[in-house]
């Protein structure tokens, strides 16, 4: 009788009735003692919550799947790797569609098992990790945690450069590893195109570019004692007039400690 809930939940899912599927799979999970089917039902409920854009519940199910992978697949490292790889990809949906999901999912991604999974099985996820960290700067309630995440991201980009790179990882490499502002500007222009064409990053493209320019400006101020508007504008990929407006607004909003030199 209990298994009928599982079967009917599967049927509803295949029919596209994802809300009904989520309810049935939840009821099955409460009543069943079949660990394998309970694990499958949790994956099914996670998929249903994603497809109904119920992001809060999706994050809860994500953590349940993570716990299941940690405990029930403990003796099977290959299965753990495969399941974590799939979970990382599914997690991108709530990560880039819900502000409330950003912090718990980033915390999950930065744990050792999931970083190892990303580096071993899906290094292209670095693109999304970087974008989430950079665009999350203004949202972060813990600046020290954000700084640590940025340092970790730079380290991962350095470690994975031999195997994977794209304009977003190249931007991080140019700015924080090579300290080449011109290369960073060129990489940012390519990264903007990548973001606008990416399913997950398209909606955050403007925020990404703005936050990336903030990082360029911040790095520039750490190296130079005076901020030359024309020079910095060029490094930001802006004309002098737009660059001056952007920089002044940045200083006003962030109270960045910088001395401006607007001489030609």
C-alpha atoms as a PDB file:
ATOM      1  CA  UNK A   1       0.000   0.000   0.000  1.00  0.00           C
ATOM      2  CA  UNK A   2       2.807   2.398   0.903  1.00  0.00           C
ATOM      3  CA  UNK A   3       4.606   1.625  -2.355  1.00  0.00           C
ATOM      4  CA  UNK A   4       1.496   2.764  -4.209  1.00  0.00           C
ATOM      5  CA  UNK A   5       2.254   6.305  -3.017  1.00  0.00           C
ATOM      6  CA  UNK A   6       5.699   6.031  -4.599  1.00  0.00           C
ATOM      7  CA  UNK A   7       4.325   4.648  -7.868  1.00  0.00           C
ATOM      8  CA  UNK A   8       1.547   7.236  -8.049  1.00  0.00           C
ATOM      9  CA  UNK A   9       4.046   9.996  -7.236  1.00  0.00           C
ATOM     10  CA  UNK A  10       6.198   8.834 -10.153  1.00  0.00           C
ATOM     11  CA  UNK A  11       3.142   8.791 -12.391  1.00  0.00           C
ATOM     12  CA  UNK A  12       2.166  12.335 -11.403  1.00  0.00           C
ATOM     13  CA  UNK A  13       5.738  13.514 -12.031  1.00  0.00           C
ATOM     14  CA  UNK A  14       5.759  11.995 -15.520  1.00  0.00           C
ATOM     15  CA  UNK A  15       2.433  13.686 -16.231  1.00  0.00           C
ATOM     16  CA  UNK A  16       3.903  17.051 -15.255  1.00  0.00           C
ATOM     17  CA  UNK A  17       1.872  17.365 -12.062  1.00  0.00           C
ATOM     18  CA  UNK A  18       4.902  18.282  -9.984  1.00  0.00           C
ATOM     19  CA  UNK A  19       3.056  19.698  -6.978  1.00  0.00           C
ATOM     20  CA  UNK A  20       1.034  16.512  -6.589  1.00  0.00           C
ATOM     21  CA  UNK A  21       4.180  14.443  -7.097  1.00  0.00           C
ATOM     22  CA  UNK A  22       5.968  16.341  -4.313  1.00  0.00           C
ATOM     23  CA  UNK A  23       3.089  15.721  -1.886  1.00  0.00           C
ATOM     24  CA  UNK A  24       2.859  12.003  -2.688  1.00  0.00           C
ATOM     25  CA  UNK A  25       6.609  11.453  -2.447  1.00  0.00           C
ATOM     26  CA  UNK A  26       6.671  13.277   0.882  1.00  0.00           C
ATOM     27  CA  UNK A  27       3.929  11.032   2.256  1.00  0.00           C
ATOM     28  CA  UNK A  28       5.737   7.956   0.967  1.00  0.00           C
ATOM     29  CA  UNK A  29       8.966   9.056   2.616  1.00  0.00           C
ATOM     30  CA  UNK A  30       7.257   9.492   5.984  1.00  0.00           C
ATOM     31  CA  UNK A  31       5.704   6.026   5.917  1.00  0.00           C
ATOM     32  CA  UNK A  32       8.261   3.871   4.112  1.00  0.00           C
ATOM     33  CA  UNK A  33      11.081   1.830   5.655  1.00  0.00           C
ATOM     34  CA  UNK A  34      12.675   1.058   2.264  1.00  0.00           C
ATOM     35  CA  UNK A  35      15.871   3.125   2.424  1.00  0.00           C
ATOM     36  CA  UNK A  36      16.635   2.869  -1.291  1.00  0.00           C
ATOM     37  CA  UNK A  37      13.191   4.030  -2.335  1.00  0.00           C
ATOM     38  CA  UNK A  38      13.209   6.776   0.296  1.00  0.00           C
ATOM     39  CA  UNK A  39      16.454   8.094  -1.226  1.00  0.00           C
ATOM     40  CA  UNK A  40      14.918   7.988  -4.712  1.00  0.00           C
ATOM     41  CA  UNK A  41      11.787   9.715  -3.424  1.00  0.00           C
ATOM     42  CA  UNK A  42      13.938  12.503  -1.986  1.00  0.00           C
ATOM     43  CA  UNK A  43      15.549  13.066  -5.377  1.00  0.00           C
ATOM     44  CA  UNK A  44      12.081  13.061  -6.921  1.00  0.00           C
ATOM     45  CA  UNK A  45      10.760  15.579  -4.420  1.00  0.00           C
ATOM     46  CA  UNK A  46      13.788  17.801  -5.021  1.00  0.00           C
ATOM     47  CA  UNK A  47      13.119  17.711  -8.766  1.00  0.00           C
ATOM     48  CA  UNK A  48       9.446  18.499  -8.169  1.00  0.00           C
ATOM     49  CA  UNK A  49      10.255  21.499  -5.958  1.00  0.00           C
ATOM     50  CA  UNK A  50      12.691  22.840  -8.563  1.00  0.00           C
ATOM     51  CA  UNK A  51      10.170  22.430 -11.375  1.00  0.00           C
ATOM     52  CA  UNK A  52       7.499  24.263  -9.356  1.00  0.00           C
ATOM     53  CA  UNK A  53      10.069  26.976  -8.437  1.00  0.00           C
ATOM     54  CA  UNK A  54       9.423  26.363  -4.756  1.00  0.00           C
ATOM     55  CA  UNK A  55      12.944  27.403  -3.836  1.00  0.00           C
ATOM     56  CA  UNK A  56      12.755  27.257  -0.034  1.00  0.00           C
ATOM     57  CA  UNK A  57      11.539  23.661  -0.144  1.00  0.00           C
ATOM     58  CA  UNK A  58      14.082  22.886  -2.862  1.00  0.00           C
ATOM     59  CA  UNK A  59      16.914  23.957  -0.546  1.00  0.00           C
ATOM     60  CA  UNK A  60      15.494  21.794   2.250  1.00  0.00           C
ATOM     61  CA  UNK A  61      15.353  18.781  -0.079  1.00  0.00           C
ATOM     62  CA  UNK A  62      18.836  19.577  -1.348  1.00  0.00           C
ATOM     63  CA  UNK A  63      20.178  19.268   2.185  1.00  0.00           C
ATOM     64  CA  UNK A  64      18.273  16.022   2.714  1.00  0.00           C
ATOM     65  CA  UNK A  65      19.830  14.571  -0.439  1.00  0.00           C
ATOM     66  CA  UNK A  66      23.252  15.757   0.741  1.00  0.00           C
ATOM     67  CA  UNK A  67      22.740  14.021   4.087  1.00  0.00           C
ATOM     68  CA  UNK A  68      21.645  10.835   2.327  1.00  0.00           C
ATOM     69  CA  UNK A  69      24.761  10.882   0.148  1.00  0.00           C
ATOM     70  CA  UNK A  70      26.998  11.388   3.190  1.00  0.00           C
ATOM     71  CA  UNK A  71      25.483   8.588   5.260  1.00  0.00           C
ATOM     72  CA  UNK A  72      23.935   5.954   3.018  1.00  0.00           C
ATOM     73  CA  UNK A  73      26.690   5.953   0.390  1.00  0.00           C
ATOM     74  CA  UNK A  74      29.542   6.250   2.887  1.00  0.00           C
ATOM     75  CA  UNK A  75      31.123   2.946   1.806  1.00  0.00           C
ATOM     76  CA  UNK A  76      30.879   3.714  -1.929  1.00  0.00           C
ATOM     77  CA  UNK A  77      33.097   6.712  -2.833  1.00  0.00           C
ATOM     78  CA  UNK A  78      32.376   6.442  -6.562  1.00  0.00           C
ATOM     79  CA  UNK A  79      28.625   6.560  -5.993  1.00  0.00           C
ATOM     80  CA  UNK A  80      29.113   9.518  -3.644  1.00  0.00           C
ATOM     81  CA  UNK A  81      31.063  11.350  -6.355  1.00  0.00           C
ATOM     82  CA  UNK A  82      28.400  10.666  -8.987  1.00  0.00           C
ATOM     83  CA  UNK A  83      25.537  11.728  -6.724  1.00  0.00           C
ATOM     84  CA  UNK A  84      27.330  14.872  -5.517  1.00  0.00           C
ATOM     85  CA  UNK A  85      28.090  15.793  -9.119  1.00  0.00           C
ATOM     86  CA  UNK A  86      24.413  15.591  -9.992  1.00  0.00           C
ATOM     87  CA  UNK A  87      23.425  17.479  -6.840  1.00  0.00           C
ATOM     88  CA  UNK A  88      25.833  20.328  -7.628  1.00  0.00           C
ATOM     89  CA  UNK A  89      24.205  20.812 -11.014  1.00  0.00           C
ATOM     90  CA  UNK A  90      20.669  20.688  -9.618  1.00  0.00           C
ATOM     91  CA  UNK A  91      21.654  23.197  -6.926  1.00  0.00           C
ATOM     92  CA  UNK A  92      22.319  25.843  -9.578  1.00  0.00           C
ATOM     93  CA  UNK A  93      18.567  26.338 -10.040  1.00  0.00           C
ATOM     94  CA  UNK A  94      17.829  27.637  -6.520  1.00  0.00           C
ATOM     95  CA  UNK A  95      21.265  29.271  -6.254  1.00  0.00           C
ATOM     96  CA  UNK A  96      20.554  31.720  -9.080  1.00  0.00           C
ATOM     97  CA  UNK A  97      16.821  32.097  -8.539  1.00  0.00           C
ATOM     98  CA  UNK A  98      16.512  32.697  -4.792  1.00  0.00           C
ATOM     99  CA  UNK A  99      18.322  35.151  -2.550  1.00  0.00           C
ATOM    100  CA  UNK A 100      17.575  32.984   0.485  1.00  0.00           C
ATOM    101  CA  UNK A 101      19.184  29.979  -1.215  1.00  0.00           C
ATOM    102  CA  UNK A 102      22.471  31.709  -1.974  1.00  0.00           C
ATOM    103  CA  UNK A 103      24.128  31.474   1.443  1.00  0.00           C
ATOM    104  CA  UNK A 104      23.307  27.830   2.315  1.00  0.00           C
ATOM    105  CA  UNK A 105      24.208  26.586  -1.164  1.00  0.00           C
ATOM    106  CA  UNK A 106      27.500  28.499  -1.256  1.00  0.00           C
ATOM    107  CA  UNK A 107      28.306  27.134   2.201  1.00  0.00           C
ATOM    108  CA  UNK A 108      27.620  23.653   0.816  1.00  0.00           C
ATOM    109  CA  UNK A 109      29.770  24.182  -2.283  1.00  0.00           C
ATOM    110  CA  UNK A 110      32.719  25.358  -0.185  1.00  0.00           C
ATOM    111  CA  UNK A 111      32.760  22.218   1.987  1.00  0.00           C
ATOM    112  CA  UNK A 112      35.640  19.838   1.286  1.00  0.00           C
ATOM    113  CA  UNK A 113      33.541  16.995  -0.227  1.00  0.00           C
ATOM    114  CA  UNK A 114      31.821  19.301  -2.699  1.00  0.00           C
ATOM    115  CA  UNK A 115      34.917  21.284  -3.666  1.00  0.00           C
ATOM    116  CA  UNK A 116      36.649  17.952  -4.295  1.00  0.00           C
ATOM    117  CA  UNK A 117      33.673  16.909  -6.421  1.00  0.00           C
ATOM    118  CA  UNK A 118      33.805  20.115  -8.460  1.00  0.00           C
ATOM    119  CA  UNK A 119      37.546  19.851  -9.024  1.00  0.00           C
ATOM    120  CA  UNK A 120      37.433  16.140  -9.847  1.00  0.00           C
ATOM    121  CA  UNK A 121      34.230  15.752 -11.810  1.00  0.00           C
ATOM    122  CA  UNK A 122      32.877  19.103 -13.007  1.00  0.00           C
ATOM    123  CA  UNK A 123      35.435  21.967 -12.956  1.00  0.00           C
ATOM    124  CA  UNK A 124      33.150  24.062 -15.178  1.00  0.00           C
ATOM    125  CA  UNK A 125      31.053  24.694 -12.054  1.00  0.00           C
ATOM    126  CA  UNK A 126      33.831  27.117 -11.033  1.00  0.00           C
ATOM    127  CA  UNK A 127      32.190  29.591 -13.431  1.00  0.00           C
ATOM    128  CA  UNK A 128      29.025  29.579 -11.348  1.00  0.00           C
ATOM    129  CA  UNK A 129      30.841  29.520  -8.034  1.00  0.00           C
ATOM    130  CA  UNK A 130      32.827  32.617  -9.013  1.00  0.00           C
ATOM    131  CA  UNK A 131      29.754  34.437 -10.310  1.00  0.00           C
ATOM    132  CA  UNK A 132      27.778  33.673  -7.155  1.00  0.00           C
ATOM    133  CA  UNK A 133      30.592  34.847  -4.882  1.00  0.00           C
ATOM    134  CA  UNK A 134      31.284  38.037  -6.842  1.00  0.00           C
ATOM    135  CA  UNK A 135      27.643  39.078  -7.184  1.00  0.00           C
ATOM    136  CA  UNK A 136      26.965  38.123  -3.575  1.00  0.00           C
ATOM    137  CA  UNK A 137      29.420  40.617  -2.157  1.00  0.00           C
ATOM    138  CA  UNK A 138      26.879  43.379  -1.504  1.00  0.00           C
ATOM    139  CA  UNK A 139      24.381  40.841  -0.152  1.00  0.00           C
ATOM    140  CA  UNK A 140      26.749  39.113   2.243  1.00  0.00           C
ATOM    141  CA  UNK A 141      26.124  39.752   5.918  1.00  0.00           C
ATOM    142  CA  UNK A 142      29.579  38.449   6.803  1.00  0.00           C
ATOM    143  CA  UNK A 143      32.368  40.325   5.025  1.00  0.00           C
ATOM    144  CA  UNK A 144      35.108  38.124   6.489  1.00  0.00           C
ATOM    145  CA  UNK A 145      33.355  35.032   5.147  1.00  0.00           C
ATOM    146  CA  UNK A 146      33.061  36.652   1.722  1.00  0.00           C
ATOM    147  CA  UNK A 147      36.762  37.534   1.734  1.00  0.00           C
ATOM    148  CA  UNK A 148      37.609  33.942   2.604  1.00  0.00           C
ATOM    149  CA  UNK A 149      35.415  32.687  -0.224  1.00  0.00           C
ATOM    150  CA  UNK A 150      37.182  35.021  -2.659  1.00  0.00           C
ATOM    151  CA  UNK A 151      40.588  33.752  -1.518  1.00  0.00           C
ATOM    152  CA  UNK A 152      39.391  30.173  -1.879  1.00  0.00           C
ATOM    153  CA  UNK A 153      38.038  30.874  -5.369  1.00  0.00           C
ATOM    154  CA  UNK A 154      41.386  32.335  -6.452  1.00  0.00           C
ATOM    155  CA  UNK A 155      43.132  29.230  -5.136  1.00  0.00           C
ATOM    156  CA  UNK A 156      40.762  26.899  -6.988  1.00  0.00           C
ATOM    157  CA  UNK A 157      41.214  28.838 -10.238  1.00  0.00           C
ATOM    158  CA  UNK A 158      44.985  28.550  -9.858  1.00  0.00           C
ATOM    159  CA  UNK A 159      44.751  24.818  -9.163  1.00  0.00           C
ATOM    160  CA  UNK A 160      42.398  24.077 -12.064  1.00  0.00           C
ATOM    161  CA  UNK A 161      43.953  26.371 -14.695  1.00  0.00           C
ATOM    162  CA  UNK A 162      45.693  23.413 -16.371  1.00  0.00           C
ATOM    163  CA  UNK A 163      42.385  21.616 -16.893  1.00  0.00           C
ATOM    164  CA  UNK A 164      39.655  24.225 -17.251  1.00  0.00           C
ATOM    165  CA  UNK A 165      39.324  27.910 -18.029  1.00  0.00           C
ATOM    166  CA  UNK A 166      36.709  30.265 -19.414  1.00  0.00           C
ATOM    167  CA  UNK A 167      36.436  34.079 -19.497  1.00  0.00           C
ATOM    168  CA  UNK A 168      35.096  34.166 -15.933  1.00  0.00           C
ATOM    169  CA  UNK A 169      37.961  32.126 -14.475  1.00  0.00           C
ATOM    170  CA  UNK A 170      40.374  34.078 -16.709  1.00  0.00           C
ATOM    171  CA  UNK A 171      39.126  37.327 -15.155  1.00  0.00           C
ATOM    172  CA  UNK A 172      39.973  36.037 -11.675  1.00  0.00           C
ATOM    173  CA  UNK A 173      43.341  34.771 -12.885  1.00  0.00           C
ATOM    174  CA  UNK A 174      44.241  38.064 -14.573  1.00  0.00           C
ATOM    175  CA  UNK A 175      43.195  40.232 -11.629  1.00  0.00           C
ATOM    176  CA  UNK A 176      44.378  38.207  -8.641  1.00  0.00           C
ATOM    177  CA  UNK A 177      47.102  35.909  -9.952  1.00  0.00           C
ATOM    178  CA  UNK A 178      48.769  37.817 -12.826  1.00  0.00           C
ATOM    179  CA  UNK A 179      47.758  41.271 -11.451  1.00  0.00           C
ATOM    180  CA  UNK A 180      47.306  42.379 -15.065  1.00  0.00           C
ATOM    181  CA  UNK A 181      44.593  45.039 -15.246  1.00  0.00           C
ATOM    182  CA  UNK A 182      44.506  45.141 -19.036  1.00  0.00           C
ATOM    183  CA  UNK A 183      44.057  41.377 -19.245  1.00  0.00           C
ATOM    184  CA  UNK A 184      41.380  41.600 -16.557  1.00  0.00           C
ATOM    185  CA  UNK A 185      39.500  44.239 -18.579  1.00  0.00           C
ATOM    186  CA  UNK A 186      39.620  42.080 -21.710  1.00  0.00           C
ATOM    187  CA  UNK A 187      38.557  38.983 -19.780  1.00  0.00           C
ATOM    188  CA  UNK A 188      35.680  40.912 -18.196  1.00  0.00           C
ATOM    189  CA  UNK A 189      34.397  41.946 -21.629  1.00  0.00           C
ATOM    190  CA  UNK A 190      34.388  38.287 -22.699  1.00  0.00           C
ATOM    191  CA  UNK A 191      32.896  37.237 -19.366  1.00  0.00           C
ATOM    192  CA  UNK A 192      30.009  39.652 -19.864  1.00  0.00           C
ATOM    193  CA  UNK A 193      29.184  37.957 -23.173  1.00  0.00           C
ATOM    194  CA  UNK A 194      29.374  34.557 -21.487  1.00  0.00           C
ATOM    195  CA  UNK A 195      27.047  35.668 -18.689  1.00  0.00           C
ATOM    196  CA  UNK A 196      24.469  37.104 -21.066  1.00  0.00           C
ATOM    197  CA  UNK A 197      24.375  33.856 -23.024  1.00  0.00           C
ATOM    198  CA  UNK A 198      24.321  31.544 -20.013  1.00  0.00           C
ATOM    199  CA  UNK A 199      21.045  30.005 -18.801  1.00  0.00           C
ATOM    200  CA  UNK A 200      21.842  30.580 -15.127  1.00  0.00           C
ATOM    201  CA  UNK A 201      23.874  33.794 -15.324  1.00  0.00           C
ATOM    202  CA  UNK A 202      21.890  35.824 -17.853  1.00  0.00           C
ATOM    203  CA  UNK A 203      19.783  37.613 -15.241  1.00  0.00           C
ATOM    204  CA  UNK A 204      22.843  38.528 -13.157  1.00  0.00           C
ATOM    205  CA  UNK A 205      25.073  39.757 -16.007  1.00  0.00           C
ATOM    206  CA  UNK A 206      24.778  43.457 -15.107  1.00  0.00           C
ATOM    207  CA  UNK A 207      25.346  42.744 -11.417  1.00  0.00           C
ATOM    208  CA  UNK A 208      28.366  40.594 -12.271  1.00  0.00           C
ATOM    209  CA  UNK A 209      29.986  43.284 -14.425  1.00  0.00           C
ATOM    210  CA  UNK A 210      29.362  45.971 -11.805  1.00  0.00           C
ATOM    211  CA  UNK A 211      30.769  43.817  -8.996  1.00  0.00           C
ATOM    212  CA  UNK A 212      33.764  42.817 -11.134  1.00  0.00           C
ATOM    213  CA  UNK A 213      34.556  46.474 -11.818  1.00  0.00           C
ATOM    214  CA  UNK A 214      34.360  47.056  -8.083  1.00  0.00           C
ATOM    215  CA  UNK A 215      37.030  44.370  -7.615  1.00  0.00           C
ATOM    216  CA  UNK A 216      39.233  45.965 -10.290  1.00  0.00           C
ATOM    217  CA  UNK A 217      38.875  49.354  -8.608  1.00  0.00           C
ATOM    218  CA  UNK A 218      39.643  47.880  -5.201  1.00  0.00           C
ATOM    219  CA  UNK A 219      42.769  46.125  -6.487  1.00  0.00           C
ATOM    220  CA  UNK A 220      43.895  49.293  -8.280  1.00  0.00           C
ATOM    221  CA  UNK A 221      43.622  51.311  -5.056  1.00  0.00           C
ATOM    222  CA  UNK A 222      45.723  48.756  -3.194  1.00  0.00           C
ATOM    223  CA  UNK A 223      48.548  49.141  -5.713  1.00  0.00           C
ATOM    224  CA  UNK A 224      48.453  52.868  -6.524  1.00  0.00           C
ATOM    225  CA  UNK A 225      48.425  55.665  -3.957  1.00  0.00           C
ATOM    226  CA  UNK A 226      46.419  57.936  -6.267  1.00  0.00           C
ATOM    227  CA  UNK A 227      43.483  57.028  -8.476  1.00  0.00           C
ATOM    228  CA  UNK A 228      43.910  58.400 -12.004  1.00  0.00           C
ATOM    229  CA  UNK A 229      40.392  58.660 -13.426  1.00  0.00           C
ATOM    230  CA  UNK A 230      41.380  58.283 -17.083  1.00  0.00           C
ATOM    231  CA  UNK A 231      43.718  55.364 -16.424  1.00  0.00           C
ATOM    232  CA  UNK A 232      41.302  53.522 -14.158  1.00  0.00           C
ATOM    233  CA  UNK A 233      38.370  54.153 -16.507  1.00  0.00           C
ATOM    234  CA  UNK A 234      40.308  52.457 -19.299  1.00  0.00           C
ATOM    235  CA  UNK A 235      41.025  49.491 -17.053  1.00  0.00           C
ATOM    236  CA  UNK A 236      37.315  49.274 -16.222  1.00  0.00           C
ATOM    237  CA  UNK A 237      36.404  49.310 -19.911  1.00  0.00           C
ATOM    238  CA  UNK A 238      34.618  52.680 -19.612  1.00  0.00           C
ATOM    239  CA  UNK A 239      35.128  56.036 -21.326  1.00  0.00           C
ATOM    240  CA  UNK A 240      36.502  58.796 -19.038  1.00  0.00           C
ATOM    241  CA  UNK A 241      33.130  60.494 -18.434  1.00  0.00           C
ATOM    242  CA  UNK A 242      31.277  57.286 -17.615  1.00  0.00           C
ATOM    243  CA  UNK A 243      34.279  56.056 -15.668  1.00  0.00           C
ATOM    244  CA  UNK A 244      34.383  59.192 -13.521  1.00  0.00           C
ATOM    245  CA  UNK A 245      30.674  58.896 -12.685  1.00  0.00           C
ATOM    246  CA  UNK A 246      31.010  55.213 -11.868  1.00  0.00           C
ATOM    247  CA  UNK A 247      34.101  55.704  -9.683  1.00  0.00           C
ATOM    248  CA  UNK A 248      32.628  58.665  -7.775  1.00  0.00           C
ATOM    249  CA  UNK A 249      29.437  56.701  -7.116  1.00  0.00           C
ATOM    250  CA  UNK A 250      31.487  53.742  -5.952  1.00  0.00           C
ATOM    251  CA  UNK A 251      33.488  55.868  -3.518  1.00  0.00           C
ATOM    252  CA  UNK A 252      30.308  57.490  -2.229  1.00  0.00           C
ATOM    253  CA  UNK A 253      28.495  54.170  -1.736  1.00  0.00           C
ATOM    254  CA  UNK A 254      31.367  52.147  -0.284  1.00  0.00           C
ATOM    255  CA  UNK A 255      33.462  54.862   1.365  1.00  0.00           C
ATOM    256  CA  UNK A 256      36.463  53.495  -0.472  1.00  0.00           C
ATOM    257  CA  UNK A 257      39.649  55.165   0.758  1.00  0.00           C
ATOM    258  CA  UNK A 258      41.061  56.637  -2.440  1.00  0.00           C
ATOM    259  CA  UNK A 259      42.725  59.855  -3.571  1.00  0.00           C
ATOM    260  CA  UNK A 260      41.483  60.955  -6.991  1.00  0.00           C
ATOM    261  CA  UNK A 261      43.848  62.432  -9.559  1.00  0.00           C
ATOM    262  CA  UNK A 262      41.836  63.573 -12.578  1.00  0.00           C
ATOM    263  CA  UNK A 263      44.739  65.155 -14.421  1.00  0.00           C
ATOM    264  CA  UNK A 264      45.318  64.066 -18.021  1.00  0.00           C
END
